C-alpha atoms as a PDB file:
ATOM      1  CA  MET A   1      -0.007   0.014   0.006  1.00  0.00           C
ATOM      2  CA  LEU A   2       2.711   2.510   0.942  1.00  0.00           C
ATOM      3  CA  SER A   3       4.796   1.801  -2.183  1.00  0.00           C
ATOM      4  CA  GLU A   4       1.683   2.342  -4.395  1.00  0.00           C
ATOM      5  CA  LEU A   5       1.096   5.682  -2.713  1.00  0.00           C
ATOM      6  CA  HIS A   6       4.725   6.714  -3.215  1.00  0.00           C
ATOM      7  CA  ARG A   7       4.549   5.744  -6.900  1.00  0.00           C
ATOM      8  CA  ARG A   8       1.390   7.817  -7.434  1.00  0.00           C
ATOM      9  CA  VAL A   9       2.895  10.855  -5.640  1.00  0.00           C
ATOM     10  CA  PHE A  10       6.074  10.551  -7.717  1.00  0.00           C
ATOM     11  CA  LEU A  11       4.093  10.377 -10.980  1.00  0.00           C
ATOM     12  CA  HIS A  12       1.971  13.397  -9.971  1.00  0.00           C
ATOM     13  CA  ASN A  13       5.051  15.449  -9.043  1.00  0.00           C
ATOM     14  CA  ALA A  14       6.743  14.529 -12.362  1.00  0.00           C
ATOM     15  CA  LYS A  15       3.616  15.608 -14.297  1.00  0.00           C
ATOM     16  CA  GLU A  16       3.458  18.959 -12.460  1.00  0.00           C
ATOM     17  CA  ALA A  17       7.205  19.585 -12.997  1.00  0.00           C
ATOM     18  CA  GLY A  18       6.651  18.997 -16.733  1.00  0.00           C
ATOM     19  CA  LYS A  19       3.845  21.593 -16.772  1.00  0.00           C
ATOM     20  CA  LEU A  20       6.087  24.170 -15.100  1.00  0.00           C
ATOM     21  CA  ALA A  21       8.902  23.514 -17.557  1.00  0.00           C
ATOM     22  CA  ARG A  22       6.547  23.984 -20.527  1.00  0.00           C
ATOM     23  CA  LYS A  23       5.026  27.137 -19.020  1.00  0.00           C
ATOM     24  CA  GLY A  24       8.403  28.853 -18.838  1.00  0.00           C
ATOM     25  CA  GLY A  25       9.348  28.080 -22.452  1.00  0.00           C
ATOM     26  CA  THR A  26      12.638  29.063 -23.968  1.00  0.00           C
ATOM     27  CA  THR A  27      14.354  32.238 -22.784  1.00  0.00           C
ATOM     28  CA  LEU A  28      15.038  34.802 -25.474  1.00  0.00           C
ATOM     29  CA  ILE A  29      18.323  36.682 -25.444  1.00  0.00           C
ATOM     30  CA  TYR A  30      18.459  40.093 -27.120  1.00  0.00           C
ATOM     31  CA  GLU A  31      21.494  41.993 -28.362  1.00  0.00           C
ATOM     32  CA  VAL A  32      22.459  45.669 -28.004  1.00  0.00           C
ATOM     33  CA  GLY A  33      20.879  47.773 -30.745  1.00  0.00           C
ATOM     34  CA  GLN A  34      18.061  45.355 -31.408  1.00  0.00           C
ATOM     35  CA  ILE A  35      14.437  46.701 -31.663  1.00  0.00           C
ATOM     36  CA  VAL A  36      11.958  44.948 -29.322  1.00  0.00           C
ATOM     37  CA  LEU A  37       8.333  45.435 -28.317  1.00  0.00           C
ATOM     38  CA  PHE A  38       7.955  46.227 -24.639  1.00  0.00           C
ATOM     39  CA  ALA A  39       4.611  45.011 -23.220  1.00  0.00           C
ATOM     40  CA  ILE A  40       2.896  47.476 -20.881  1.00  0.00           C
ATOM     41  CA  LEU A  41       0.628  45.925 -18.238  1.00  0.00           C
ATOM     42  CA  PHE A  42      -2.980  47.070 -18.123  1.00  0.00           C
ATOM     43  CA  LYS A  43      -2.620  48.417 -14.580  1.00  0.00           C
ATOM     44  CA  ASN A  44       0.228  50.680 -15.745  1.00  0.00           C
ATOM     45  CA  ARG A  45      -1.567  52.306 -18.696  1.00  0.00           C
ATOM     46  CA  LEU A  46      -4.827  53.880 -19.680  1.00  0.00           C
ATOM     47  CA  SER A  47      -7.329  51.807 -21.672  1.00  0.00           C
ATOM     48  CA  VAL A  48      -6.768  53.941 -24.805  1.00  0.00           C
ATOM     49  CA  GLU A  49      -2.955  53.719 -24.712  1.00  0.00           C
ATOM     50  CA  ALA A  50      -0.963  51.182 -26.709  1.00  0.00           C
ATOM     51  CA  THR A  51      -0.295  47.777 -25.173  1.00  0.00           C
ATOM     52  CA  ARG A  52       3.212  47.563 -26.609  1.00  0.00           C
ATOM     53  CA  LEU A  53       5.944  50.136 -27.029  1.00  0.00           C
ATOM     54  CA  PRO A  54       8.769  49.732 -29.593  1.00  0.00           C
ATOM     55  CA  CYS A  55      12.144  50.177 -27.890  1.00  0.00           C
ATOM     56  CA  ARG A  56      15.814  49.845 -28.720  1.00  0.00           C
ATOM     57  CA  ILE A  57      18.147  47.952 -26.373  1.00  0.00           C
ATOM     58  CA  LEU A  58      20.902  50.210 -25.089  1.00  0.00           C
ATOM     59  CA  THR A  59      22.804  47.955 -22.643  1.00  0.00           C
ATOM     60  CA  VAL A  60      22.625  44.470 -21.239  1.00  0.00           C
ATOM     61  CA  VAL A  61      23.798  43.816 -17.673  1.00  0.00           C
ATOM     62  CA  LYS A  62      23.295  40.374 -16.077  1.00  0.00           C
ATOM     63  CA  GLY A  63      20.215  39.678 -18.191  1.00  0.00           C
ATOM     64  CA  ALA A  64      18.620  43.092 -17.464  1.00  0.00           C
ATOM     65  CA  TYR A  65      18.040  45.473 -20.386  1.00  0.00           C
ATOM     66  CA  THR A  66      18.186  49.279 -20.532  1.00  0.00           C
ATOM     67  CA  LEU A  67      15.591  50.372 -23.118  1.00  0.00           C
ATOM     68  CA  LEU A  68      15.253  53.545 -25.181  1.00  0.00           C
ATOM     69  CA  SER A  69      11.769  54.458 -26.503  1.00  0.00           C
ATOM     70  CA  GLN A  70      10.988  57.019 -29.169  1.00  0.00           C
ATOM     71  CA  HIS A  71      10.487  59.695 -26.529  1.00  0.00           C
ATOM     72  CA  SER A  72      13.090  58.955 -23.838  1.00  0.00           C
ATOM     73  CA  PRO A  73      14.989  56.146 -22.097  1.00  0.00           C
ATOM     74  CA  LEU A  74      12.804  53.961 -19.861  1.00  0.00           C
ATOM     75  CA  LYS A  75      13.566  54.196 -16.180  1.00  0.00           C
ATOM     76  CA  GLY A  76      15.072  51.099 -14.591  1.00  0.00           C
ATOM     77  CA  ARG A  77      16.120  47.783 -16.116  1.00  0.00           C
ATOM     78  CA  HIS A  78      13.691  45.304 -17.615  1.00  0.00           C
END
């Protein structure tokens, strides 16, 4: 009985770990000077504003990007 329970728990945990791995997907790596679309969350914008903002990557430091929009550099690293 106990070994059957352990087997079922192991199978369930393996299935959930597979779901988490698929949810993350592949990580994209961008280069300096590349144009990207920066997604703006709904809570940070008005309903009539654009959902994405085209930006150019200025610098890359430890996986964090400094972005430049058409109007000015974005504050912070994303």
